[in-house]
N, C-alpha and C. Protein backbone atom coordinates (compact mmCIF):
# COMPACT_ATOMS: atom_id res chain seq x y z
N MET A 1 0.85 -1.19 0.00
CA MET A 1 0.00 0.00 0.00
C MET A 1 0.89 1.24 0.00
N SER A 2 0.60 2.14 -0.88
CA SER A 2 1.35 3.39 -0.95
C SER A 2 0.82 4.34 0.13
N ASN A 3 1.73 4.93 0.85
CA ASN A 3 1.27 5.92 1.83
C ASN A 3 1.85 7.28 1.47
N ASP A 4 1.40 7.77 0.30
CA ASP A 4 1.87 9.05 -0.19
C ASP A 4 0.86 10.16 0.06
N LYS A 5 -0.14 9.91 0.88
CA LYS A 5 -1.15 10.92 1.16
C LYS A 5 -0.64 11.86 2.24
N SER A 6 -1.07 13.12 2.15
CA SER A 6 -0.67 14.08 3.16
C SER A 6 -1.82 15.03 3.45
N LEU A 7 -1.65 15.82 4.49
CA LEU A 7 -2.63 16.84 4.84
C LEU A 7 -1.88 18.07 5.29
N THR A 8 -2.52 19.20 5.14
CA THR A 8 -1.96 20.46 5.62
C THR A 8 -3.06 21.25 6.31
N VAL A 9 -2.76 21.73 7.51
CA VAL A 9 -3.66 22.64 8.22
C VAL A 9 -2.83 23.85 8.65
N SER A 10 -3.47 25.00 8.69
CA SER A 10 -2.74 26.18 9.15
C SER A 10 -3.67 27.08 9.94
N LYS A 11 -3.05 27.89 10.79
CA LYS A 11 -3.81 28.83 11.62
C LYS A 11 -2.92 30.02 11.90
N THR A 12 -3.50 31.20 11.77
CA THR A 12 -2.78 32.41 12.17
C THR A 12 -3.09 32.68 13.64
N ILE A 13 -2.02 32.78 14.43
CA ILE A 13 -2.13 32.95 15.88
C ILE A 13 -1.56 34.31 16.26
N LYS A 14 -2.27 35.02 17.11
CA LYS A 14 -1.83 36.35 17.55
C LYS A 14 -0.76 36.23 18.63
N ALA A 15 0.41 35.80 18.18
CA ALA A 15 1.58 35.70 19.07
C ALA A 15 2.81 35.71 18.18
N ASP A 16 3.97 36.06 18.77
CA ASP A 16 5.18 36.07 17.96
C ASP A 16 5.75 34.66 17.80
N LYS A 17 6.63 34.53 16.82
CA LYS A 17 7.20 33.21 16.51
C LYS A 17 7.91 32.59 17.72
N ALA A 18 8.63 33.40 18.47
CA ALA A 18 9.38 32.86 19.62
C ALA A 18 8.44 32.26 20.67
N THR A 19 7.32 32.93 20.92
CA THR A 19 6.34 32.43 21.90
C THR A 19 5.75 31.10 21.44
N ILE A 20 5.40 31.04 20.16
CA ILE A 20 4.80 29.81 19.63
C ILE A 20 5.83 28.69 19.59
N PHE A 21 7.05 29.00 19.15
CA PHE A 21 8.10 27.98 19.12
C PHE A 21 8.33 27.40 20.52
N ASN A 22 8.35 28.27 21.53
CA ASN A 22 8.51 27.81 22.90
C ASN A 22 7.38 26.86 23.30
N ALA A 23 6.15 27.20 22.89
CA ALA A 23 5.00 26.34 23.21
C ALA A 23 5.07 25.00 22.48
N LEU A 24 5.75 24.98 21.33
CA LEU A 24 5.91 23.74 20.56
C LEU A 24 7.02 22.85 21.09
N THR A 25 7.91 23.40 21.93
CA THR A 25 9.09 22.65 22.34
C THR A 25 9.23 22.47 23.85
N ASP A 26 8.46 23.18 24.65
CA ASP A 26 8.52 23.06 26.11
C ASP A 26 7.46 22.04 26.55
N GLU A 27 7.92 20.93 27.11
CA GLU A 27 6.97 19.84 27.42
C GLU A 27 5.89 20.27 28.42
N ASN A 28 6.20 21.19 29.32
CA ASN A 28 5.19 21.64 30.29
C ASN A 28 4.09 22.44 29.60
N ILE A 29 4.47 23.26 28.61
CA ILE A 29 3.47 24.01 27.85
C ILE A 29 2.73 23.08 26.89
N MET A 30 3.47 22.16 26.25
CA MET A 30 2.86 21.21 25.32
C MET A 30 1.72 20.44 25.99
N ALA A 31 1.89 20.08 27.25
CA ALA A 31 0.88 19.30 27.97
C ALA A 31 -0.44 20.06 28.10
N LYS A 32 -0.40 21.39 27.95
CA LYS A 32 -1.62 22.20 28.08
C LYS A 32 -2.45 22.22 26.80
N TRP A 33 -1.85 21.86 25.66
CA TRP A 33 -2.59 22.00 24.40
C TRP A 33 -2.47 20.82 23.44
N PHE A 34 -1.54 19.91 23.65
CA PHE A 34 -1.26 18.88 22.64
C PHE A 34 -2.16 17.65 22.81
N PHE A 35 -3.47 17.87 22.60
CA PHE A 35 -4.42 16.76 22.57
C PHE A 35 -5.60 17.18 21.71
N ALA A 36 -6.20 16.20 21.07
CA ALA A 36 -7.19 16.49 20.04
C ALA A 36 -8.63 16.43 20.54
N GLY A 37 -8.84 15.85 21.69
CA GLY A 37 -10.20 15.61 22.14
C GLY A 37 -10.88 16.83 22.74
N PRO A 38 -12.15 16.66 23.08
CA PRO A 38 -12.94 17.76 23.65
C PRO A 38 -12.59 18.01 25.11
N GLU A 39 -13.37 18.85 25.76
CA GLU A 39 -13.19 19.11 27.19
C GLU A 39 -13.13 17.77 27.93
N GLY A 40 -12.31 17.72 28.95
CA GLY A 40 -12.16 16.49 29.70
C GLY A 40 -10.94 15.69 29.28
N TRP A 41 -10.37 16.02 28.13
CA TRP A 41 -9.13 15.37 27.69
C TRP A 41 -7.94 16.08 28.32
N SER A 42 -6.80 15.38 28.34
CA SER A 42 -5.56 15.99 28.84
C SER A 42 -4.39 15.28 28.16
N ALA A 43 -3.19 15.79 28.43
CA ALA A 43 -2.00 15.18 27.83
C ALA A 43 -0.88 15.11 28.84
N THR A 44 -0.05 14.10 28.69
CA THR A 44 1.21 13.97 29.41
C THR A 44 2.29 13.96 28.35
N VAL A 45 3.29 14.84 28.51
CA VAL A 45 4.30 15.00 27.46
C VAL A 45 5.70 14.84 28.03
N LYS A 46 6.51 14.05 27.33
CA LYS A 46 7.95 13.96 27.58
C LYS A 46 8.60 14.30 26.25
N SER A 47 9.45 15.31 26.23
CA SER A 47 10.01 15.76 24.96
C SER A 47 11.43 16.27 25.13
N ASP A 48 12.31 15.78 24.27
CA ASP A 48 13.68 16.27 24.17
C ASP A 48 13.79 16.90 22.79
N SER A 49 13.36 18.16 22.69
CA SER A 49 13.13 18.79 21.39
C SER A 49 14.41 19.35 20.77
N LYS A 50 15.28 18.42 20.40
CA LYS A 50 16.46 18.77 19.61
C LYS A 50 16.61 17.71 18.53
N LYS A 51 17.36 18.01 17.49
CA LYS A 51 17.54 17.04 16.42
C LYS A 51 18.05 15.73 17.01
N GLY A 52 17.36 14.62 16.67
CA GLY A 52 17.72 13.31 17.20
C GLY A 52 17.05 12.99 18.53
N GLY A 53 16.44 14.00 19.16
CA GLY A 53 15.74 13.78 20.42
C GLY A 53 14.39 13.10 20.16
N SER A 54 13.81 12.54 21.19
CA SER A 54 12.54 11.84 21.03
C SER A 54 11.46 12.51 21.88
N TYR A 55 10.22 12.10 21.60
CA TYR A 55 9.10 12.60 22.39
C TYR A 55 8.10 11.46 22.58
N LYS A 56 7.29 11.63 23.62
CA LYS A 56 6.12 10.77 23.82
C LYS A 56 5.00 11.66 24.33
N ILE A 57 3.89 11.63 23.61
CA ILE A 57 2.71 12.40 24.01
C ILE A 57 1.58 11.40 24.26
N ASP A 58 1.10 11.36 25.49
CA ASP A 58 -0.04 10.52 25.84
C ASP A 58 -1.26 11.41 25.96
N MET A 59 -2.24 11.16 25.08
CA MET A 59 -3.50 11.90 25.14
C MET A 59 -4.49 11.04 25.93
N HIS A 60 -5.07 11.62 26.97
CA HIS A 60 -5.98 10.90 27.87
C HIS A 60 -7.40 11.41 27.67
N ASN A 61 -8.33 10.49 27.40
CA ASN A 61 -9.72 10.94 27.26
C ASN A 61 -10.44 10.89 28.60
N SER A 62 -11.67 11.36 28.62
CA SER A 62 -12.42 11.47 29.87
C SER A 62 -12.83 10.11 30.43
N GLU A 63 -12.74 9.04 29.60
CA GLU A 63 -13.05 7.69 30.08
C GLU A 63 -11.81 6.98 30.65
N GLY A 64 -10.67 7.67 30.65
CA GLY A 64 -9.46 7.08 31.20
C GLY A 64 -8.62 6.32 30.19
N GLU A 65 -9.01 6.34 28.92
CA GLU A 65 -8.21 5.69 27.89
C GLU A 65 -7.06 6.61 27.50
N THR A 66 -5.93 5.99 27.11
CA THR A 66 -4.76 6.75 26.71
C THR A 66 -4.37 6.39 25.29
N TYR A 67 -4.06 7.43 24.51
CA TYR A 67 -3.59 7.26 23.13
C TYR A 67 -2.17 7.81 23.07
N SER A 68 -1.20 6.91 22.85
CA SER A 68 0.20 7.30 22.87
C SER A 68 0.70 7.65 21.47
N HIS A 69 1.55 8.68 21.41
CA HIS A 69 2.16 9.16 20.17
C HIS A 69 3.64 9.32 20.44
N THR A 70 4.47 8.76 19.57
CA THR A 70 5.91 8.82 19.77
C THR A 70 6.61 9.19 18.47
N GLY A 71 7.83 9.64 18.61
CA GLY A 71 8.61 9.94 17.43
C GLY A 71 9.94 10.56 17.78
N GLU A 72 10.62 10.97 16.72
CA GLU A 72 11.95 11.56 16.85
C GLU A 72 11.97 12.89 16.10
N TYR A 73 12.65 13.85 16.69
CA TYR A 73 12.83 15.14 16.04
C TYR A 73 13.88 15.01 14.94
N LYS A 74 13.49 15.35 13.71
CA LYS A 74 14.39 15.27 12.55
C LYS A 74 15.08 16.60 12.29
N GLU A 75 14.38 17.70 12.60
CA GLU A 75 14.93 19.04 12.42
C GLU A 75 14.28 19.96 13.44
N VAL A 76 15.09 20.80 14.07
CA VAL A 76 14.58 21.81 15.00
C VAL A 76 15.33 23.10 14.70
N SER A 77 14.66 24.01 14.00
CA SER A 77 15.25 25.30 13.64
C SER A 77 14.54 26.38 14.45
N PRO A 78 15.19 26.88 15.51
CA PRO A 78 14.51 27.79 16.44
C PRO A 78 13.74 28.91 15.76
N THR A 79 12.52 29.04 16.18
CA THR A 79 11.48 29.98 15.79
C THR A 79 11.00 29.85 14.35
N ASP A 80 11.50 28.87 13.59
CA ASP A 80 11.09 28.74 12.18
C ASP A 80 10.42 27.41 11.83
N LYS A 81 10.99 26.30 12.28
CA LYS A 81 10.54 25.01 11.75
C LYS A 81 10.89 23.87 12.70
N ILE A 82 9.96 22.91 12.77
CA ILE A 82 10.18 21.67 13.51
C ILE A 82 9.69 20.53 12.64
N VAL A 83 10.49 19.48 12.51
CA VAL A 83 10.11 18.30 11.75
C VAL A 83 10.29 17.09 12.66
N PHE A 84 9.25 16.24 12.73
CA PHE A 84 9.36 15.05 13.58
C PHE A 84 8.57 13.89 13.00
N SER A 85 9.05 12.69 13.29
CA SER A 85 8.29 11.50 12.92
C SER A 85 7.11 11.38 13.88
N TRP A 86 6.04 10.70 13.42
CA TRP A 86 4.79 10.59 14.20
C TRP A 86 4.29 9.17 14.10
N ASN A 87 4.18 8.53 15.24
CA ASN A 87 3.70 7.15 15.32
C ASN A 87 2.63 7.07 16.40
N SER A 88 1.58 6.31 16.09
CA SER A 88 0.48 6.14 17.06
C SER A 88 -0.17 4.78 16.80
N GLN A 89 -1.28 4.52 17.51
CA GLN A 89 -2.04 3.31 17.24
C GLN A 89 -2.58 3.33 15.81
N ALA A 90 -2.81 4.53 15.27
CA ALA A 90 -3.46 4.67 13.96
C ALA A 90 -2.48 4.70 12.79
N VAL A 91 -1.32 5.31 12.97
CA VAL A 91 -0.36 5.46 11.88
C VAL A 91 1.06 5.26 12.38
N THR A 92 1.93 4.78 11.50
CA THR A 92 3.34 4.64 11.83
C THR A 92 4.18 5.20 10.69
N ASN A 93 5.38 5.62 11.05
CA ASN A 93 6.35 6.13 10.08
C ASN A 93 5.79 7.28 9.24
N THR A 94 5.05 8.18 9.88
CA THR A 94 4.58 9.38 9.20
C THR A 94 5.47 10.54 9.64
N LEU A 95 5.35 11.65 8.96
CA LEU A 95 6.24 12.79 9.21
C LEU A 95 5.42 14.07 9.33
N VAL A 96 5.70 14.85 10.37
CA VAL A 96 5.02 16.12 10.61
C VAL A 96 6.04 17.25 10.49
N THR A 97 5.68 18.27 9.71
CA THR A 97 6.51 19.47 9.58
C THR A 97 5.66 20.67 9.99
N ILE A 98 6.19 21.44 10.94
CA ILE A 98 5.51 22.66 11.38
C ILE A 98 6.41 23.84 11.04
N THR A 99 5.86 24.79 10.29
CA THR A 99 6.62 26.00 9.98
C THR A 99 5.90 27.21 10.56
N LEU A 100 6.70 28.18 10.98
CA LEU A 100 6.19 29.41 11.57
C LEU A 100 6.61 30.57 10.68
N THR A 101 5.64 31.39 10.26
CA THR A 101 5.90 32.52 9.38
C THR A 101 5.21 33.75 9.93
N GLU A 102 5.96 34.84 10.08
CA GLU A 102 5.36 36.09 10.54
C GLU A 102 4.41 36.62 9.46
N VAL A 103 3.21 36.98 9.87
CA VAL A 103 2.22 37.55 8.97
C VAL A 103 1.55 38.73 9.69
N ASP A 104 0.77 39.52 8.96
CA ASP A 104 0.02 40.59 9.60
C ASP A 104 -0.90 39.96 10.65
N GLY A 105 -0.84 40.47 11.86
CA GLY A 105 -1.71 39.97 12.90
C GLY A 105 -1.14 38.83 13.71
N GLY A 106 0.10 38.43 13.45
CA GLY A 106 0.69 37.36 14.26
C GLY A 106 1.60 36.44 13.49
N THR A 107 1.41 35.15 13.70
CA THR A 107 2.26 34.12 13.11
C THR A 107 1.39 33.05 12.48
N GLU A 108 1.70 32.71 11.23
CA GLU A 108 1.02 31.59 10.61
C GLU A 108 1.72 30.31 11.03
N VAL A 109 0.96 29.40 11.63
CA VAL A 109 1.45 28.07 11.99
C VAL A 109 0.92 27.12 10.94
N LYS A 110 1.83 26.56 10.15
CA LYS A 110 1.43 25.64 9.08
C LYS A 110 1.96 24.25 9.42
N LEU A 111 1.06 23.29 9.43
CA LEU A 111 1.41 21.92 9.78
C LEU A 111 1.10 21.00 8.60
N MET A 112 2.11 20.27 8.16
CA MET A 112 1.93 19.28 7.11
C MET A 112 2.25 17.91 7.69
N HIS A 113 1.35 16.96 7.46
CA HIS A 113 1.52 15.58 7.95
C HIS A 113 1.57 14.68 6.72
N GLU A 114 2.73 14.06 6.49
CA GLU A 114 2.97 13.29 5.27
C GLU A 114 3.00 11.78 5.54
N PHE A 115 2.88 11.04 4.45
CA PHE A 115 2.99 9.57 4.44
C PHE A 115 1.85 8.90 5.18
N MET A 116 0.66 9.48 5.03
CA MET A 116 -0.53 8.90 5.65
C MET A 116 -0.95 7.66 4.87
N PRO A 117 -1.45 6.62 5.56
CA PRO A 117 -1.74 5.36 4.88
C PRO A 117 -3.00 5.35 4.02
N ASN A 118 -3.99 6.19 4.37
CA ASN A 118 -5.25 6.14 3.62
C ASN A 118 -6.06 7.42 3.86
N ASP A 119 -7.12 7.56 3.06
CA ASP A 119 -7.96 8.77 3.14
C ASP A 119 -8.63 8.91 4.51
N GLN A 120 -9.00 7.80 5.12
CA GLN A 120 -9.66 7.86 6.43
C GLN A 120 -8.72 8.47 7.47
N GLN A 121 -7.46 8.08 7.45
CA GLN A 121 -6.51 8.65 8.41
C GLN A 121 -6.20 10.11 8.10
N VAL A 122 -6.19 10.47 6.81
CA VAL A 122 -6.03 11.89 6.46
C VAL A 122 -7.17 12.69 7.07
N GLU A 123 -8.40 12.20 6.90
CA GLU A 123 -9.57 12.89 7.45
C GLU A 123 -9.50 12.96 8.98
N ASN A 124 -9.21 11.84 9.63
CA ASN A 124 -9.13 11.80 11.10
C ASN A 124 -8.07 12.77 11.62
N HIS A 125 -6.89 12.72 11.01
CA HIS A 125 -5.80 13.55 11.48
C HIS A 125 -6.00 15.03 11.14
N THR A 126 -6.68 15.33 10.04
CA THR A 126 -6.99 16.72 9.74
C THR A 126 -7.84 17.31 10.86
N GLY A 127 -8.85 16.56 11.30
CA GLY A 127 -9.67 17.01 12.43
C GLY A 127 -8.88 17.14 13.71
N GLY A 128 -8.02 16.16 13.97
CA GLY A 128 -7.20 16.19 15.18
C GLY A 128 -6.24 17.36 15.21
N TRP A 129 -5.51 17.54 14.10
CA TRP A 129 -4.54 18.65 14.06
C TRP A 129 -5.23 20.00 14.11
N THR A 130 -6.40 20.12 13.48
CA THR A 130 -7.15 21.38 13.53
C THR A 130 -7.51 21.71 14.98
N ALA A 131 -7.98 20.71 15.71
CA ALA A 131 -8.32 20.91 17.13
C ALA A 131 -7.08 21.25 17.95
N ILE A 132 -5.97 20.60 17.67
CA ILE A 132 -4.73 20.85 18.40
C ILE A 132 -4.25 22.28 18.16
N LEU A 133 -4.30 22.76 16.92
CA LEU A 133 -3.89 24.14 16.65
C LEU A 133 -4.82 25.14 17.33
N GLU A 134 -6.09 24.83 17.43
CA GLU A 134 -7.03 25.68 18.17
C GLU A 134 -6.62 25.77 19.64
N ARG A 135 -6.25 24.63 20.21
CA ARG A 135 -5.82 24.61 21.62
C ARG A 135 -4.52 25.40 21.78
N LEU A 136 -3.58 25.21 20.86
CA LEU A 136 -2.33 25.97 20.89
C LEU A 136 -2.64 27.47 20.88
N ASN A 137 -3.53 27.88 20.00
CA ASN A 137 -3.93 29.28 19.92
C ASN A 137 -4.47 29.77 21.27
N GLY A 138 -5.30 28.95 21.90
CA GLY A 138 -5.86 29.34 23.19
C GLY A 138 -4.83 29.50 24.28
N VAL A 139 -3.73 28.75 24.19
CA VAL A 139 -2.69 28.81 25.22
C VAL A 139 -1.75 30.01 25.01
N VAL A 140 -1.43 30.31 23.75
CA VAL A 140 -0.39 31.33 23.53
C VAL A 140 -0.91 32.73 23.18
N SER A 141 -2.16 32.84 22.75
CA SER A 141 -2.59 34.17 22.30
C SER A 141 -3.40 34.90 23.36
């Protein structure tokens, strides 16, 4: 099966690139926004956000179930770009690239998730990443 499918979501956030980059790389701040579910969800984050470093993000739902996400940082360019592998129960060996660009009114956060296995996972992850960027916006702006 070819996994050449990808998705892109973006959001303009009223904060500077340095503030957003810090929220993307500080595990204590990440725990406040890095989960896709509704109210009642939470996250536990362990992250060594440097090239070659690894992360583990456990998203906890209100029923007590945990969804683990792991990967390795491939590129970390302060205030501009972060690239990391993304593995979960749903997908493996996928790649996420987040770029930060100054725009009028703040910073555009653009997230591309590549090597998705099928259209259903593209749809699921588009919803998840959209929710995650909304939470990020709520934390930093």
